[in-house]
Amino acid sequence: MTATLDDVCATILERAGGARRFLVAVAGPPGAGKSTLAEAIARHLSAQGEPAEVLPMDGFHMDNSVLQEKGILLRKGSPPSFDVRGFSDILKAVRGGQEEVLVPVFDRSRELAIAAARAIPPTCRIVVVEGNYLLLQQERWSELRALFDYAVMLAPPFEELERRLTARWHYYGLSGEALHTKLHGNDLPNVQLVLSQSSGADLVLTDWTVED
């Protein structure tokens, strides 16, 4: 289904009620537009006087040197390439809401995570967490769902995701065999994994819009 940003935010506020801290998951496959939606939700809520911050899962990518040692550098972005324990620990700290929590942010242009790049203050009631595997029913990832109060799954059609991912890597300078390897050896298998093995969403969207 599709929904407007107003509708999504209205539902979040209704569900949040009088909670002191409320965590919203925005999950979906690579190329779905999770970060765009998460940032839009946070801006929209903040504009309504409800301070919100975004916590991106991508900040918990393992460093390339670690991935090289593990032999999974070419699978960067797949579930084993993330520090899921560290991510879970941060989510629990944020959920507690007792003090400021500093979280890492991923710099795609440099392909690395920057530590303590964003602050989640205790005065922020709603935290929007975004990432590929937030609802993945696999190993330790399946434990994350219990930490979210409301979950949105953003799942455009597979063909649209392939188009977006191709455009993304063209933008970052990949072409030919390198692009084919990136898409078919990593990104598109990750897309299929998320679409087939995620569950627990309160709302599933194929698209969303901003009302005029």
C-alpha atoms as a PDB file:
ATOM      1  CA  MET A   1       0.000   0.000   0.000  1.00  0.00           C
ATOM      2  CA  THR A   2       0.931   3.667  -0.182  1.00  0.00           C
ATOM      3  CA  ALA A   3       0.493   6.304   2.509  1.00  0.00           C
ATOM      4  CA  THR A   4       1.152   9.974   3.056  1.00  0.00           C
ATOM      5  CA  LEU A   5       3.821  11.212   5.418  1.00  0.00           C
ATOM      6  CA  ASP A   6       1.082  12.923   7.437  1.00  0.00           C
ATOM      7  CA  ASP A   7      -0.732   9.616   7.891  1.00  0.00           C
ATOM      8  CA  VAL A   8       2.405   7.762   8.968  1.00  0.00           C
ATOM      9  CA  CYS A   9       3.341  10.426  11.498  1.00  0.00           C
ATOM     10  CA  ALA A  10      -0.204  10.691  12.837  1.00  0.00           C
ATOM     11  CA  THR A  11      -0.204   6.939  13.487  1.00  0.00           C
ATOM     12  CA  ILE A  12       3.171   7.141  15.233  1.00  0.00           C
ATOM     13  CA  LEU A  13       1.930   9.921  17.528  1.00  0.00           C
ATOM     14  CA  GLU A  14      -1.249   7.995  18.288  1.00  0.00           C
ATOM     15  CA  ARG A  15       0.701   4.842  19.124  1.00  0.00           C
ATOM     16  CA  ALA A  16       3.259   6.771  21.194  1.00  0.00           C
ATOM     17  CA  GLY A  17       0.576   8.181  23.481  1.00  0.00           C
ATOM     18  CA  GLY A  18       2.233   9.383  26.668  1.00  0.00           C
ATOM     19  CA  ALA A  19       5.335   7.185  26.393  1.00  0.00           C
ATOM     20  CA  ARG A  20       8.536   8.809  27.626  1.00  0.00           C
ATOM     21  CA  ARG A  21      10.586   7.153  24.854  1.00  0.00           C
ATOM     22  CA  PHE A  22       9.142   5.568  21.690  1.00  0.00           C
ATOM     23  CA  LEU A  23      11.215   3.693  19.100  1.00  0.00           C
ATOM     24  CA  VAL A  24      10.021   3.470  15.501  1.00  0.00           C
ATOM     25  CA  ALA A  25      11.665   1.012  13.099  1.00  0.00           C
ATOM     26  CA  VAL A  26      11.827   1.839   9.391  1.00  0.00           C
ATOM     27  CA  ALA A  27      13.003  -1.371   7.751  1.00  0.00           C
ATOM     28  CA  GLY A  28      13.379  -2.481   4.153  1.00  0.00           C
ATOM     29  CA  PRO A  29      15.763  -3.782   1.506  1.00  0.00           C
ATOM     30  CA  PRO A  30      18.682  -1.843   0.001  1.00  0.00           C
ATOM     31  CA  GLY A  31      17.433   0.949  -2.249  1.00  0.00           C
ATOM     32  CA  ALA A  32      13.990   1.130  -0.643  1.00  0.00           C
ATOM     33  CA  GLY A  33      14.443   4.730   0.548  1.00  0.00           C
ATOM     34  CA  LYS A  34      14.550   3.978   4.271  1.00  0.00           C
ATOM     35  CA  SER A  35      16.879   6.823   5.207  1.00  0.00           C
ATOM     36  CA  THR A  36      14.803   9.306   3.195  1.00  0.00           C
ATOM     37  CA  LEU A  37      11.590   8.201   4.891  1.00  0.00           C
ATOM     38  CA  ALA A  38      13.166   8.104   8.356  1.00  0.00           C
ATOM     39  CA  GLU A  39      14.578  11.618   8.006  1.00  0.00           C
ATOM     40  CA  ALA A  40      11.246  12.864   6.646  1.00  0.00           C
ATOM     41  CA  ILE A  41       9.388  11.379   9.624  1.00  0.00           C
ATOM     42  CA  ALA A  42      11.811  12.961  12.086  1.00  0.00           C
ATOM     43  CA  ARG A  43      11.565  16.392  10.409  1.00  0.00           C
ATOM     44  CA  HIS A  44       7.774  16.193  10.201  1.00  0.00           C
ATOM     45  CA  LEU A  45       7.393  15.236  13.855  1.00  0.00           C
ATOM     46  CA  SER A  46       9.881  17.876  14.988  1.00  0.00           C
ATOM     47  CA  ALA A  47       7.999  20.537  13.003  1.00  0.00           C
ATOM     48  CA  GLN A  48       4.891  19.559  14.981  1.00  0.00           C
ATOM     49  CA  GLY A  49       6.701  20.160  18.258  1.00  0.00           C
ATOM     50  CA  GLU A  50       7.552  16.493  18.851  1.00  0.00           C
ATOM     51  CA  PRO A  51      11.386  16.293  18.783  1.00  0.00           C
ATOM     52  CA  ALA A  52      12.565  13.204  16.918  1.00  0.00           C
ATOM     53  CA  GLU A  53      15.968  11.858  15.929  1.00  0.00           C
ATOM     54  CA  VAL A  54      17.141   9.235  13.436  1.00  0.00           C
ATOM     55  CA  LEU A  55      19.372   6.318  14.420  1.00  0.00           C
ATOM     56  CA  PRO A  56      20.788   4.635  11.270  1.00  0.00           C
ATOM     57  CA  MET A  57      21.767   0.962  11.409  1.00  0.00           C
ATOM     58  CA  ASP A  58      24.436   1.572   8.738  1.00  0.00           C
ATOM     59  CA  GLY A  59      26.677   3.140  11.382  1.00  0.00           C
ATOM     60  CA  PHE A  60      27.282  -0.391  12.646  1.00  0.00           C
ATOM     61  CA  HIS A  61      29.014  -1.653   9.507  1.00  0.00           C
ATOM     62  CA  MET A  62      32.208  -3.472  10.438  1.00  0.00           C
ATOM     63  CA  ASP A  63      35.309  -1.701   9.163  1.00  0.00           C
ATOM     64  CA  ASN A  64      36.718  -2.868   5.833  1.00  0.00           C
ATOM     65  CA  SER A  65      39.853  -4.171   7.557  1.00  0.00           C
ATOM     66  CA  VAL A  66      37.743  -6.428   9.769  1.00  0.00           C
ATOM     67  CA  LEU A  67      35.667  -7.606   6.822  1.00  0.00           C
ATOM     68  CA  GLN A  68      38.865  -8.354   4.895  1.00  0.00           C
ATOM     69  CA  GLU A  69      40.145 -10.486   7.774  1.00  0.00           C
ATOM     70  CA  LYS A  70      36.839 -12.352   7.892  1.00  0.00           C
ATOM     71  CA  GLY A  71      36.877 -12.878   4.132  1.00  0.00           C
ATOM     72  CA  ILE A  72      33.529 -11.140   3.575  1.00  0.00           C
ATOM     73  CA  LEU A  73      34.554  -7.739   2.225  1.00  0.00           C
ATOM     74  CA  LEU A  74      32.693  -8.374  -1.040  1.00  0.00           C
ATOM     75  CA  ARG A  75      29.560  -9.072   1.030  1.00  0.00           C
ATOM     76  CA  LYS A  76      29.655  -5.748   2.855  1.00  0.00           C
ATOM     77  CA  GLY A  77      26.070  -4.841   3.610  1.00  0.00           C
ATOM     78  CA  SER A  78      24.967  -8.430   4.246  1.00  0.00           C
ATOM     79  CA  PRO A  79      23.875  -9.411   7.792  1.00  0.00           C
ATOM     80  CA  PRO A  80      27.260 -10.891   8.863  1.00  0.00           C
ATOM     81  CA  SER A  81      29.018  -7.611   7.987  1.00  0.00           C
ATOM     82  CA  PHE A  82      27.295  -5.675  10.779  1.00  0.00           C
ATOM     83  CA  ASP A  83      28.058  -5.451  14.486  1.00  0.00           C
ATOM     84  CA  VAL A  84      24.607  -6.626  15.559  1.00  0.00           C
ATOM     85  CA  ARG A  85      25.606  -6.954  19.214  1.00  0.00           C
ATOM     86  CA  GLY A  86      26.857  -3.367  19.340  1.00  0.00           C
ATOM     87  CA  PHE A  87      23.728  -2.210  17.537  1.00  0.00           C
ATOM     88  CA  SER A  88      21.496  -4.054  19.993  1.00  0.00           C
ATOM     89  CA  ASP A  89      23.364  -2.570  22.963  1.00  0.00           C
ATOM     90  CA  ILE A  90      22.930   0.960  21.592  1.00  0.00           C
ATOM     91  CA  LEU A  91      19.219   0.363  20.964  1.00  0.00           C
ATOM     92  CA  LYS A  92      18.768  -0.762  24.557  1.00  0.00           C
ATOM     93  CA  ALA A  93      20.585   2.344  25.825  1.00  0.00           C
ATOM     94  CA  VAL A  94      18.465   4.583  23.616  1.00  0.00           C
ATOM     95  CA  ARG A  95      15.296   2.815  24.682  1.00  0.00           C
ATOM     96  CA  GLY A  96      16.189   3.504  28.317  1.00  0.00           C
ATOM     97  CA  GLY A  97      16.150   7.218  27.554  1.00  0.00           C
ATOM     98  CA  GLN A  98      18.001   8.177  30.735  1.00  0.00           C
ATOM     99  CA  GLU A  99      20.943  10.012  29.187  1.00  0.00           C
ATOM    100  CA  GLU A 100      22.435  11.227  25.930  1.00  0.00           C
ATOM    101  CA  VAL A 101      23.545   8.386  23.660  1.00  0.00           C
ATOM    102  CA  LEU A 102      26.126   8.991  20.918  1.00  0.00           C
ATOM    103  CA  VAL A 103      25.698   6.817  17.842  1.00  0.00           C
ATOM    104  CA  PRO A 104      27.841   6.177  14.739  1.00  0.00           C
ATOM    105  CA  VAL A 105      26.867   7.270  11.233  1.00  0.00           C
ATOM    106  CA  PHE A 106      28.000   5.670   7.970  1.00  0.00           C
ATOM    107  CA  ASP A 107      29.718   7.845   5.350  1.00  0.00           C
ATOM    108  CA  ARG A 108      28.932   6.134   2.046  1.00  0.00           C
ATOM    109  CA  SER A 109      31.342   8.320   0.066  1.00  0.00           C
ATOM    110  CA  ARG A 110      34.236   6.943   2.168  1.00  0.00           C
ATOM    111  CA  GLU A 111      32.664   3.547   2.917  1.00  0.00           C
ATOM    112  CA  LEU A 112      33.274   3.831   6.648  1.00  0.00           C
ATOM    113  CA  ALA A 113      31.407   4.430   9.886  1.00  0.00           C
ATOM    114  CA  ILE A 114      32.128   7.581  11.889  1.00  0.00           C
ATOM    115  CA  ALA A 115      31.958   6.996  15.635  1.00  0.00           C
ATOM    116  CA  ALA A 116      29.846   9.232  17.898  1.00  0.00           C
ATOM    117  CA  ALA A 117      28.630  11.247  14.897  1.00  0.00           C
ATOM    118  CA  ARG A 118      25.061  11.804  16.099  1.00  0.00           C
ATOM    119  CA  ALA A 119      23.593  12.458  19.540  1.00  0.00           C
ATOM    120  CA  ILE A 120      20.277  11.118  20.797  1.00  0.00           C
ATOM    121  CA  PRO A 121      19.412  13.408  23.737  1.00  0.00           C
ATOM    122  CA  PRO A 122      17.157  12.310  26.601  1.00  0.00           C
ATOM    123  CA  THR A 123      14.756  15.138  25.677  1.00  0.00           C
ATOM    124  CA  CYS A 124      14.005  13.421  22.352  1.00  0.00           C
ATOM    125  CA  ARG A 125      10.887  11.301  22.870  1.00  0.00           C
ATOM    126  CA  ILE A 126      10.674   9.585  19.474  1.00  0.00           C
ATOM    127  CA  VAL A 127      13.658   7.852  17.860  1.00  0.00           C
ATOM    128  CA  VAL A 128      13.347   6.613  14.278  1.00  0.00           C
ATOM    129  CA  VAL A 129      15.658   3.643  13.676  1.00  0.00           C
ATOM    130  CA  GLU A 130      16.304   2.756  10.031  1.00  0.00           C
ATOM    131  CA  GLY A 131      18.031  -0.206   8.454  1.00  0.00           C
ATOM    132  CA  ASN A 132      17.800  -3.252   6.228  1.00  0.00           C
ATOM    133  CA  TYR A 133      17.596  -5.997   8.823  1.00  0.00           C
ATOM    134  CA  LEU A 134      15.536  -4.542  11.661  1.00  0.00           C
ATOM    135  CA  LEU A 135      12.766  -7.098  11.084  1.00  0.00           C
ATOM    136  CA  LEU A 136      14.906  -9.966   9.802  1.00  0.00           C
ATOM    137  CA  GLN A 137      13.924 -13.329  11.275  1.00  0.00           C
ATOM    138  CA  GLN A 138      17.446 -14.705  11.404  1.00  0.00           C
ATOM    139  CA  GLU A 139      19.843 -15.405  14.284  1.00  0.00           C
ATOM    140  CA  ARG A 140      20.378 -12.401  16.591  1.00  0.00           C
ATOM    141  CA  TRP A 141      18.556 -10.027  14.259  1.00  0.00           C
ATOM    142  CA  SER A 142      15.229 -11.549  15.273  1.00  0.00           C
ATOM    143  CA  GLU A 143      15.776 -10.273  18.824  1.00  0.00           C
ATOM    144  CA  LEU A 144      15.606  -6.639  17.685  1.00  0.00           C
ATOM    145  CA  ARG A 145      11.851  -6.523  17.026  1.00  0.00           C
ATOM    146  CA  ALA A 146      11.093  -6.531  20.753  1.00  0.00           C
ATOM    147  CA  LEU A 147      12.989  -3.226  21.102  1.00  0.00           C
ATOM    148  CA  PHE A 148      10.710  -1.346  18.683  1.00  0.00           C
ATOM    149  CA  ASP A 149       7.335   0.067  19.656  1.00  0.00           C
ATOM    150  CA  TYR A 150       6.159   0.473  16.062  1.00  0.00           C
ATOM    151  CA  ALA A 151       7.594  -0.935  12.830  1.00  0.00           C
ATOM    152  CA  VAL A 152       7.250   0.208   9.227  1.00  0.00           C
ATOM    153  CA  MET A 153       8.403  -1.990   6.335  1.00  0.00           C
ATOM    154  CA  LEU A 154       9.200  -0.108   3.134  1.00  0.00           C
ATOM    155  CA  ALA A 155       9.161  -2.597   0.253  1.00  0.00           C
ATOM    156  CA  PRO A 156       8.981  -1.268  -3.320  1.00  0.00           C
ATOM    157  CA  PRO A 157       8.810  -3.814  -6.179  1.00  0.00           C
ATOM    158  CA  PHE A 158      12.006  -5.754  -6.876  1.00  0.00           C
ATOM    159  CA  GLU A 159      12.421  -4.222 -10.350  1.00  0.00           C
ATOM    160  CA  GLU A 160      12.292  -0.721  -8.917  1.00  0.00           C
ATOM    161  CA  LEU A 161      14.878  -1.607  -6.285  1.00  0.00           C
ATOM    162  CA  GLU A 162      17.205  -2.980  -8.978  1.00  0.00           C
ATOM    163  CA  ARG A 163      16.825   0.247 -10.961  1.00  0.00           C
ATOM    164  CA  ARG A 164      17.581   2.414  -7.925  1.00  0.00           C
ATOM    165  CA  LEU A 165      20.608   0.375  -6.871  1.00  0.00           C
ATOM    166  CA  THR A 166      22.023   0.478 -10.395  1.00  0.00           C
ATOM    167  CA  ALA A 167      21.656   4.260 -10.404  1.00  0.00           C
ATOM    168  CA  ARG A 168      23.239   4.493  -6.931  1.00  0.00           C
ATOM    169  CA  TRP A 169      26.406   2.662  -7.915  1.00  0.00           C
ATOM    170  CA  HIS A 170      26.651   4.502 -11.226  1.00  0.00           C
ATOM    171  CA  TYR A 171      26.669   7.675  -9.143  1.00  0.00           C
ATOM    172  CA  TYR A 172      29.554   6.328  -7.055  1.00  0.00           C
ATOM    173  CA  GLY A 173      31.539   5.467 -10.180  1.00  0.00           C
ATOM    174  CA  LEU A 174      30.907   1.757 -10.687  1.00  0.00           C
ATOM    175  CA  SER A 175      30.280   0.307 -14.135  1.00  0.00           C
ATOM    176  CA  GLY A 176      30.786  -2.863 -16.166  1.00  0.00           C
ATOM    177  CA  GLU A 177      31.897  -5.984 -14.304  1.00  0.00           C
ATOM    178  CA  ALA A 178      32.369  -4.124 -11.002  1.00  0.00           C
ATOM    179  CA  LEU A 179      28.776  -2.921 -11.113  1.00  0.00           C
ATOM    180  CA  HIS A 180      27.463  -6.380 -12.054  1.00  0.00           C
ATOM    181  CA  THR A 181      29.400  -7.970  -9.178  1.00  0.00           C
ATOM    182  CA  LYS A 182      28.154  -5.380  -6.691  1.00  0.00           C
ATOM    183  CA  LEU A 183      24.526  -5.812  -7.734  1.00  0.00           C
ATOM    184  CA  HIS A 184      24.252  -9.548  -8.367  1.00  0.00           C
ATOM    185  CA  GLY A 185      26.890 -10.727  -5.924  1.00  0.00           C
ATOM    186  CA  ASN A 186      25.700  -8.661  -2.965  1.00  0.00           C
ATOM    187  CA  ASP A 187      22.942  -6.042  -3.193  1.00  0.00           C
ATOM    188  CA  LEU A 188      20.210  -7.993  -4.963  1.00  0.00           C
ATOM    189  CA  PRO A 189      20.701 -11.141  -2.823  1.00  0.00           C
ATOM    190  CA  ASN A 190      20.341  -8.844   0.202  1.00  0.00           C
ATOM    191  CA  VAL A 191      17.156  -7.398  -1.312  1.00  0.00           C
ATOM    192  CA  GLN A 192      15.703 -10.884  -1.728  1.00  0.00           C
ATOM    193  CA  LEU A 193      16.713 -11.841   1.820  1.00  0.00           C
ATOM    194  CA  VAL A 194      14.996  -8.821   3.370  1.00  0.00           C
ATOM    195  CA  LEU A 195      11.839  -9.221   1.296  1.00  0.00           C
ATOM    196  CA  SER A 196      11.509 -12.945   1.996  1.00  0.00           C
ATOM    197  CA  GLN A 197      12.638 -13.205   5.632  1.00  0.00           C
ATOM    198  CA  SER A 198      11.376 -10.065   7.364  1.00  0.00           C
ATOM    199  CA  SER A 199       8.231 -10.028   9.489  1.00  0.00           C
ATOM    200  CA  GLY A 200       6.576  -8.178  12.335  1.00  0.00           C
ATOM    201  CA  ALA A 201       5.819  -4.875  10.591  1.00  0.00           C
ATOM    202  CA  ASP A 202       2.814  -2.892  11.806  1.00  0.00           C
ATOM    203  CA  LEU A 203       2.662  -1.129   8.433  1.00  0.00           C
ATOM    204  CA  VAL A 204       3.959  -2.319   5.043  1.00  0.00           C
ATOM    205  CA  LEU A 205       4.428   0.349   2.353  1.00  0.00           C
ATOM    206  CA  THR A 206       5.377   0.089  -1.299  1.00  0.00           C
ATOM    207  CA  ASP A 207       5.581   3.882  -1.502  1.00  0.00           C
ATOM    208  CA  TRP A 208       4.829   7.079   0.386  1.00  0.00           C
ATOM    209  CA  THR A 209       4.061  10.683  -0.498  1.00  0.00           C
ATOM    210  CA  VAL A 210       4.149  14.149   1.011  1.00  0.00           C
ATOM    211  CA  GLU A 211       0.851  15.988   1.014  1.00  0.00           C
ATOM    212  CA  ASP A 212       0.809  19.426  -0.611  1.00  0.00           C
END
